Amino acid sequence: MTPENYCFCELAPLYALDLLSPEERIWVEQQLLDCPDLGEELAAYQSAVTAMPYSTAALPMAADLKDRLFADLGLDLPLPKKISDPAADAYLAVRSQDLDWQPQSTPGVAVAIVHRDEIKRELVGFLRAEAGVCYPWHRHASVEELFMLEGDLVIGDTVYGAGDYIRSSPGSSHAPYTNSGCRFFFHTSMDDQYPQPVGVSSP
């Protein structure tokens, strides 16, 4: 169709639907400039186009549509997602009688790990040591936290007992020992440095 054959009444609905070529759009817009009264006619078409999506009744989806689609594609249906129990996932509890105490390479020392995070390289657990144990010198890769539960632990010139909290900074080092034996909770790094291998489960 050439511009000589253009008709506003035919092109206006297509303009409202955004189906015209650039040349046709320019022609319609020029007609609106030349004759502003045509704007009312175009506005009516644009209003009708806006209402079109809401005038069609929604069609219900077939209950087996997903099954048929996967069958047509030759795919196995995905397994249903496990619905987790928020209350059960909210915390982890380990009873004292269920602690899994493992002997360490340092004689007289046993450790029970309750949480291991390979991404953060962290260990959380409990350590117990018999009387007279001297734990090997080690350097901390990150923060180490100890909370004394019973007995004594000597670090440097200080003796710590039940209820004491000890926080060691990254890069610090020590070789603690106990006189009467002890038990404490720890949060430490898997990457602490020891002069001799003593096992990654040791704090």
C-alpha atoms as a PDB file:
ATOM      1  CA  MET A   1       0.000   0.000   0.000  1.00  0.00           C
ATOM      2  CA  THR A   2       1.368   3.414  -1.003  1.00  0.00           C
ATOM      3  CA  PRO A   3       0.800   6.603   1.013  1.00  0.00           C
ATOM      4  CA  GLU A   4      -1.713   7.730  -1.603  1.00  0.00           C
ATOM      5  CA  ASN A   5      -3.897   4.771  -0.650  1.00  0.00           C
ATOM      6  CA  TYR A   6      -3.565   5.145   3.139  1.00  0.00           C
ATOM      7  CA  CYS A   7      -6.788   5.518   5.085  1.00  0.00           C
ATOM      8  CA  PHE A   8      -6.772   6.731   8.686  1.00  0.00           C
ATOM      9  CA  CYS A   9      -9.776   4.627   9.631  1.00  0.00           C
ATOM     10  CA  GLU A  10      -7.916   1.480   8.517  1.00  0.00           C
ATOM     11  CA  LEU A  11      -4.536   2.330   9.975  1.00  0.00           C
ATOM     12  CA  ALA A  12      -5.647   3.754  13.320  1.00  0.00           C
ATOM     13  CA  PRO A  13      -6.600   0.317  14.830  1.00  0.00           C
ATOM     14  CA  LEU A  14      -3.279  -1.109  13.651  1.00  0.00           C
ATOM     15  CA  TYR A  15      -1.468   1.900  15.117  1.00  0.00           C
ATOM     16  CA  ALA A  16      -3.114   1.194  18.479  1.00  0.00           C
ATOM     17  CA  LEU A  17      -1.959  -2.430  18.214  1.00  0.00           C
ATOM     18  CA  ASP A  18       1.594  -1.299  17.284  1.00  0.00           C
ATOM     19  CA  LEU A  19       1.476  -3.294  14.052  1.00  0.00           C
ATOM     20  CA  LEU A  20       2.384  -0.579  11.558  1.00  0.00           C
ATOM     21  CA  SER A  21       5.614  -0.106   9.668  1.00  0.00           C
ATOM     22  CA  PRO A  22       7.668   3.000  10.535  1.00  0.00           C
ATOM     23  CA  GLU A  23       6.420   4.769   7.400  1.00  0.00           C
ATOM     24  CA  GLU A  24       2.780   4.030   8.235  1.00  0.00           C
ATOM     25  CA  ARG A  25       3.225   5.213  11.833  1.00  0.00           C
ATOM     26  CA  ILE A  26       4.709   8.472  10.613  1.00  0.00           C
ATOM     27  CA  TRP A  27       1.784   8.934   8.254  1.00  0.00           C
ATOM     28  CA  VAL A  28      -0.796   8.374  11.030  1.00  0.00           C
ATOM     29  CA  GLU A  29       1.020  10.761  13.372  1.00  0.00           C
ATOM     30  CA  GLN A  30       1.119  13.398  10.628  1.00  0.00           C
ATOM     31  CA  GLN A  31      -2.666  13.047  10.161  1.00  0.00           C
ATOM     32  CA  LEU A  32      -3.123  13.637  13.903  1.00  0.00           C
ATOM     33  CA  LEU A  33      -1.079  16.841  13.638  1.00  0.00           C
ATOM     34  CA  ASP A  34      -3.047  18.019  10.621  1.00  0.00           C
ATOM     35  CA  CYS A  35      -6.431  17.109  12.091  1.00  0.00           C
ATOM     36  CA  PRO A  36      -6.442  16.932  15.926  1.00  0.00           C
ATOM     37  CA  ASP A  37     -10.063  15.703  15.892  1.00  0.00           C
ATOM     38  CA  LEU A  38      -8.761  12.323  14.722  1.00  0.00           C
ATOM     39  CA  GLY A  39      -7.130  11.953  18.144  1.00  0.00           C
ATOM     40  CA  GLU A  40     -10.505  11.027  19.662  1.00  0.00           C
ATOM     41  CA  GLU A  41     -10.937   8.207  17.163  1.00  0.00           C
ATOM     42  CA  LEU A  42      -7.435   6.887  17.871  1.00  0.00           C
ATOM     43  CA  ALA A  43      -8.009   7.165  21.637  1.00  0.00           C
ATOM     44  CA  ALA A  44     -11.082   4.953  21.301  1.00  0.00           C
ATOM     45  CA  TYR A  45      -9.035   2.278  19.544  1.00  0.00           C
ATOM     46  CA  GLN A  46      -6.277   2.500  22.155  1.00  0.00           C
ATOM     47  CA  SER A  47      -8.835   2.100  24.941  1.00  0.00           C
ATOM     48  CA  ALA A  48     -10.242  -1.006  23.272  1.00  0.00           C
ATOM     49  CA  VAL A  49      -6.747  -2.488  22.875  1.00  0.00           C
ATOM     50  CA  THR A  50      -6.032  -1.906  26.576  1.00  0.00           C
ATOM     51  CA  ALA A  51      -9.174  -3.810  27.560  1.00  0.00           C
ATOM     52  CA  MET A  52      -8.556  -6.780  25.269  1.00  0.00           C
ATOM     53  CA  PRO A  53      -6.418  -8.903  27.650  1.00  0.00           C
ATOM     54  CA  TYR A  54      -9.109  -8.680  30.345  1.00  0.00           C
ATOM     55  CA  SER A  55     -11.992  -9.660  28.084  1.00  0.00           C
ATOM     56  CA  THR A  56     -10.803 -13.232  27.464  1.00  0.00           C
ATOM     57  CA  ALA A  57     -11.892 -15.889  29.909  1.00  0.00           C
ATOM     58  CA  ALA A  58      -9.030 -17.711  31.645  1.00  0.00           C
ATOM     59  CA  LEU A  59      -8.695 -21.340  30.583  1.00  0.00           C
ATOM     60  CA  PRO A  60      -8.098 -23.966  33.270  1.00  0.00           C
ATOM     61  CA  MET A  61      -4.827 -25.894  33.005  1.00  0.00           C
ATOM     62  CA  ALA A  62      -5.139 -29.634  32.518  1.00  0.00           C
ATOM     63  CA  ALA A  63      -4.180 -31.522  35.669  1.00  0.00           C
ATOM     64  CA  ASP A  64      -1.865 -33.850  33.737  1.00  0.00           C
ATOM     65  CA  LEU A  65      -0.267 -31.156  31.576  1.00  0.00           C
ATOM     66  CA  LYS A  66       3.122 -31.432  33.301  1.00  0.00           C
ATOM     67  CA  ASP A  67       3.119 -35.245  33.019  1.00  0.00           C
ATOM     68  CA  ARG A  68       2.289 -35.093  29.302  1.00  0.00           C
ATOM     69  CA  LEU A  69       4.907 -32.422  28.634  1.00  0.00           C
ATOM     70  CA  PHE A  70       7.689 -34.430  30.318  1.00  0.00           C
ATOM     71  CA  ALA A  71       6.528 -37.581  28.482  1.00  0.00           C
ATOM     72  CA  ASP A  72       6.617 -35.784  25.103  1.00  0.00           C
ATOM     73  CA  LEU A  73      10.144 -34.582  25.867  1.00  0.00           C
ATOM     74  CA  GLY A  74      11.257 -38.028  27.024  1.00  0.00           C
ATOM     75  CA  LEU A  75      12.182 -36.753  30.480  1.00  0.00           C
ATOM     76  CA  ASP A  76      11.693 -38.248  33.915  1.00  0.00           C
ATOM     77  CA  LEU A  77       9.425 -36.310  36.238  1.00  0.00           C
ATOM     78  CA  PRO A  78      11.424 -34.549  38.958  1.00  0.00           C
ATOM     79  CA  LEU A  79      11.080 -35.997  42.421  1.00  0.00           C
ATOM     80  CA  PRO A  80       8.863 -33.955  44.741  1.00  0.00           C
ATOM     81  CA  LYS A  81      10.785 -31.637  47.001  1.00  0.00           C
ATOM     82  CA  LYS A  82      11.079 -32.729  50.583  1.00  0.00           C
ATOM     83  CA  ILE A  83       9.060 -30.478  52.828  1.00  0.00           C
ATOM     84  CA  SER A  84      11.276 -29.618  55.750  1.00  0.00           C
ATOM     85  CA  ASP A  85      10.009 -29.093  59.238  1.00  0.00           C
ATOM     86  CA  PRO A  86      11.070 -25.564  60.300  1.00  0.00           C
ATOM     87  CA  ALA A  87      10.917 -26.557  63.949  1.00  0.00           C
ATOM     88  CA  ALA A  88      13.190 -29.553  63.376  1.00  0.00           C
ATOM     89  CA  ASP A  89      15.622 -27.558  61.227  1.00  0.00           C
ATOM     90  CA  ALA A  90      15.829 -24.673  63.694  1.00  0.00           C
ATOM     91  CA  TYR A  91      18.509 -26.260  65.854  1.00  0.00           C
ATOM     92  CA  LEU A  92      20.790 -29.239  66.339  1.00  0.00           C
ATOM     93  CA  ALA A  93      20.991 -30.888  69.722  1.00  0.00           C
ATOM     94  CA  VAL A  94      23.568 -33.423  70.848  1.00  0.00           C
ATOM     95  CA  ARG A  95      23.055 -35.028  74.231  1.00  0.00           C
ATOM     96  CA  SER A  96      26.115 -35.344  76.438  1.00  0.00           C
ATOM     97  CA  GLN A  97      25.737 -39.137  76.536  1.00  0.00           C
ATOM     98  CA  ASP A  98      25.741 -39.183  72.706  1.00  0.00           C
ATOM     99  CA  LEU A  99      29.048 -37.351  72.257  1.00  0.00           C
ATOM    100  CA  ASP A 100      31.403 -39.355  70.045  1.00  0.00           C
ATOM    101  CA  TRP A 101      34.718 -39.075  71.892  1.00  0.00           C
ATOM    102  CA  GLN A 102      37.719 -39.867  69.691  1.00  0.00           C
ATOM    103  CA  PRO A 103      41.245 -40.354  71.097  1.00  0.00           C
ATOM    104  CA  GLN A 104      43.829 -37.972  69.644  1.00  0.00           C
ATOM    105  CA  SER A 105      47.481 -38.456  68.790  1.00  0.00           C
ATOM    106  CA  THR A 106      48.365 -36.505  71.950  1.00  0.00           C
ATOM    107  CA  PRO A 107      48.167 -39.149  74.714  1.00  0.00           C
ATOM    108  CA  GLY A 108      45.427 -38.481  77.273  1.00  0.00           C
ATOM    109  CA  VAL A 109      43.391 -36.233  74.956  1.00  0.00           C
ATOM    110  CA  ALA A 110      39.985 -37.037  73.430  1.00  0.00           C
ATOM    111  CA  VAL A 111      37.819 -34.830  71.251  1.00  0.00           C
ATOM    112  CA  ALA A 112      34.091 -34.951  70.388  1.00  0.00           C
ATOM    113  CA  ILE A 113      33.211 -32.938  67.274  1.00  0.00           C
ATOM    114  CA  VAL A 114      29.622 -31.684  67.142  1.00  0.00           C
ATOM    115  CA  HIS A 115      29.878 -29.479  64.038  1.00  0.00           C
ATOM    116  CA  ARG A 116      32.238 -29.373  61.067  1.00  0.00           C
ATOM    117  CA  ASP A 117      32.058 -26.703  58.327  1.00  0.00           C
ATOM    118  CA  GLU A 118      34.303 -27.531  55.372  1.00  0.00           C
ATOM    119  CA  ILE A 119      33.499 -24.213  53.646  1.00  0.00           C
ATOM    120  CA  LYS A 120      34.410 -21.997  56.603  1.00  0.00           C
ATOM    121  CA  ARG A 121      37.061 -24.497  57.757  1.00  0.00           C
ATOM    122  CA  GLU A 122      35.626 -24.487  61.287  1.00  0.00           C
ATOM    123  CA  LEU A 123      35.344 -27.122  63.990  1.00  0.00           C
ATOM    124  CA  VAL A 124      33.089 -27.021  67.031  1.00  0.00           C
ATOM    125  CA  GLY A 125      33.262 -29.572  69.797  1.00  0.00           C
ATOM    126  CA  PHE A 126      34.536 -30.638  73.206  1.00  0.00           C
ATOM    127  CA  LEU A 127      37.978 -31.601  74.423  1.00  0.00           C
ATOM    128  CA  ARG A 128      38.883 -33.528  77.547  1.00  0.00           C
ATOM    129  CA  ALA A 129      42.390 -34.063  78.802  1.00  0.00           C
ATOM    130  CA  GLU A 130      43.761 -36.218  81.604  1.00  0.00           C
ATOM    131  CA  ALA A 131      45.857 -34.810  84.446  1.00  0.00           C
ATOM    132  CA  GLY A 132      49.362 -33.735  83.424  1.00  0.00           C
ATOM    133  CA  VAL A 133      48.644 -33.472  79.675  1.00  0.00           C
ATOM    134  CA  CYS A 134      50.621 -30.863  77.769  1.00  0.00           C
ATOM    135  CA  TYR A 135      48.964 -30.000  74.491  1.00  0.00           C
ATOM    136  CA  PRO A 136      51.339 -29.435  71.518  1.00  0.00           C
ATOM    137  CA  TRP A 137      52.386 -25.934  70.543  1.00  0.00           C
ATOM    138  CA  HIS A 138      50.211 -24.632  67.711  1.00  0.00           C
ATOM    139  CA  ARG A 139      49.485 -21.416  65.820  1.00  0.00           C
ATOM    140  CA  HIS A 140      45.888 -20.335  65.207  1.00  0.00           C
ATOM    141  CA  ALA A 141      44.774 -19.848  61.609  1.00  0.00           C
ATOM    142  CA  SER A 142      41.700 -17.932  62.781  1.00  0.00           C
ATOM    143  CA  VAL A 143      39.932 -17.080  66.028  1.00  0.00           C
ATOM    144  CA  GLU A 144      39.852 -19.864  68.614  1.00  0.00           C
ATOM    145  CA  GLU A 145      37.270 -19.817  71.413  1.00  0.00           C
ATOM    146  CA  LEU A 146      37.348 -22.006  74.500  1.00  0.00           C
ATOM    147  CA  PHE A 147      34.811 -22.221  77.326  1.00  0.00           C
ATOM    148  CA  MET A 148      36.029 -24.111  80.355  1.00  0.00           C
ATOM    149  CA  LEU A 149      33.597 -26.681  81.767  1.00  0.00           C
ATOM    150  CA  GLU A 150      35.708 -28.320  84.448  1.00  0.00           C
ATOM    151  CA  GLY A 151      39.264 -28.722  85.679  1.00  0.00           C
ATOM    152  CA  ASP A 152      42.155 -26.368  84.951  1.00  0.00           C
ATOM    153  CA  LEU A 153      43.924 -25.173  81.815  1.00  0.00           C
ATOM    154  CA  VAL A 154      47.200 -23.269  81.989  1.00  0.00           C
ATOM    155  CA  ILE A 155      48.050 -20.885  79.142  1.00  0.00           C
ATOM    156  CA  GLY A 156      51.198 -18.884  79.674  1.00  0.00           C
ATOM    157  CA  ASP A 157      51.196 -17.722  83.303  1.00  0.00           C
ATOM    158  CA  THR A 158      47.407 -17.892  83.732  1.00  0.00           C
ATOM    159  CA  VAL A 159      45.336 -20.746  85.121  1.00  0.00           C
ATOM    160  CA  TYR A 160      41.775 -20.957  83.814  1.00  0.00           C
ATOM    161  CA  GLY A 161      38.932 -22.891  85.440  1.00  0.00           C
ATOM    162  CA  ALA A 162      35.255 -23.771  85.016  1.00  0.00           C
ATOM    163  CA  GLY A 163      33.215 -20.874  83.598  1.00  0.00           C
ATOM    164  CA  ASP A 164      36.195 -19.058  82.037  1.00  0.00           C
ATOM    165  CA  TYR A 165      36.109 -17.974  78.387  1.00  0.00           C
ATOM    166  CA  ILE A 166      39.351 -17.803  76.364  1.00  0.00           C
ATOM    167  CA  ARG A 167      39.577 -16.188  72.934  1.00  0.00           C
ATOM    168  CA  SER A 168      42.789 -16.453  70.910  1.00  0.00           C
ATOM    169  CA  SER A 169      43.375 -14.173  67.902  1.00  0.00           C
ATOM    170  CA  PRO A 170      44.467 -15.374  64.438  1.00  0.00           C
ATOM    171  CA  GLY A 171      48.242 -15.786  64.321  1.00  0.00           C
ATOM    172  CA  SER A 172      48.573 -16.272  68.088  1.00  0.00           C
ATOM    173  CA  SER A 173      50.168 -19.438  69.439  1.00  0.00           C
ATOM    174  CA  HIS A 174      50.418 -21.423  72.665  1.00  0.00           C
ATOM    175  CA  ALA A 175      51.034 -24.848  74.178  1.00  0.00           C
ATOM    176  CA  PRO A 176      48.480 -25.158  77.017  1.00  0.00           C
ATOM    177  CA  TYR A 177      48.634 -27.824  79.683  1.00  0.00           C
ATOM    178  CA  THR A 178      46.489 -29.065  82.531  1.00  0.00           C
ATOM    179  CA  ASN A 179      47.499 -30.047  86.039  1.00  0.00           C
ATOM    180  CA  SER A 180      44.430 -31.907  87.268  1.00  0.00           C
ATOM    181  CA  GLY A 181      42.751 -32.616  83.917  1.00  0.00           C
ATOM    182  CA  CYS A 182      40.075 -30.552  82.183  1.00  0.00           C
ATOM    183  CA  ARG A 183      37.155 -30.478  79.822  1.00  0.00           C
ATOM    184  CA  PHE A 184      36.158 -27.537  77.630  1.00  0.00           C
ATOM    185  CA  PHE A 185      34.039 -26.483  74.683  1.00  0.00           C
ATOM    186  CA  PHE A 186      35.913 -25.151  71.638  1.00  0.00           C
ATOM    187  CA  HIS A 187      35.297 -23.357  68.344  1.00  0.00           C
ATOM    188  CA  THR A 188      38.406 -23.359  66.181  1.00  0.00           C
ATOM    189  CA  SER A 189      39.905 -23.705  62.698  1.00  0.00           C
ATOM    190  CA  MET A 190      40.764 -26.845  60.778  1.00  0.00           C
ATOM    191  CA  ASP A 191      43.868 -25.061  59.505  1.00  0.00           C
ATOM    192  CA  ASP A 192      45.749 -24.402  62.749  1.00  0.00           C
ATOM    193  CA  GLN A 193      49.473 -25.063  62.342  1.00  0.00           C
ATOM    194  CA  TYR A 194      51.255 -27.723  64.397  1.00  0.00           C
ATOM    195  CA  PRO A 195      54.975 -28.559  64.312  1.00  0.00           C
ATOM    196  CA  GLN A 196      53.991 -32.214  64.062  1.00  0.00           C
ATOM    197  CA  PRO A 197      50.693 -33.671  62.747  1.00  0.00           C
ATOM    198  CA  VAL A 198      48.177 -34.194  65.535  1.00  0.00           C
ATOM    199  CA  GLY A 199      44.956 -34.605  63.523  1.00  0.00           C
ATOM    200  CA  VAL A 200      42.607 -31.949  62.184  1.00  0.00           C
ATOM    201  CA  SER A 201      40.062 -32.628  64.902  1.00  0.00           C
ATOM    202  CA  SER A 202      42.256 -31.159  67.633  1.00  0.00           C
ATOM    203  CA  PRO A 203      41.750 -27.523  68.736  1.00  0.00           C
END
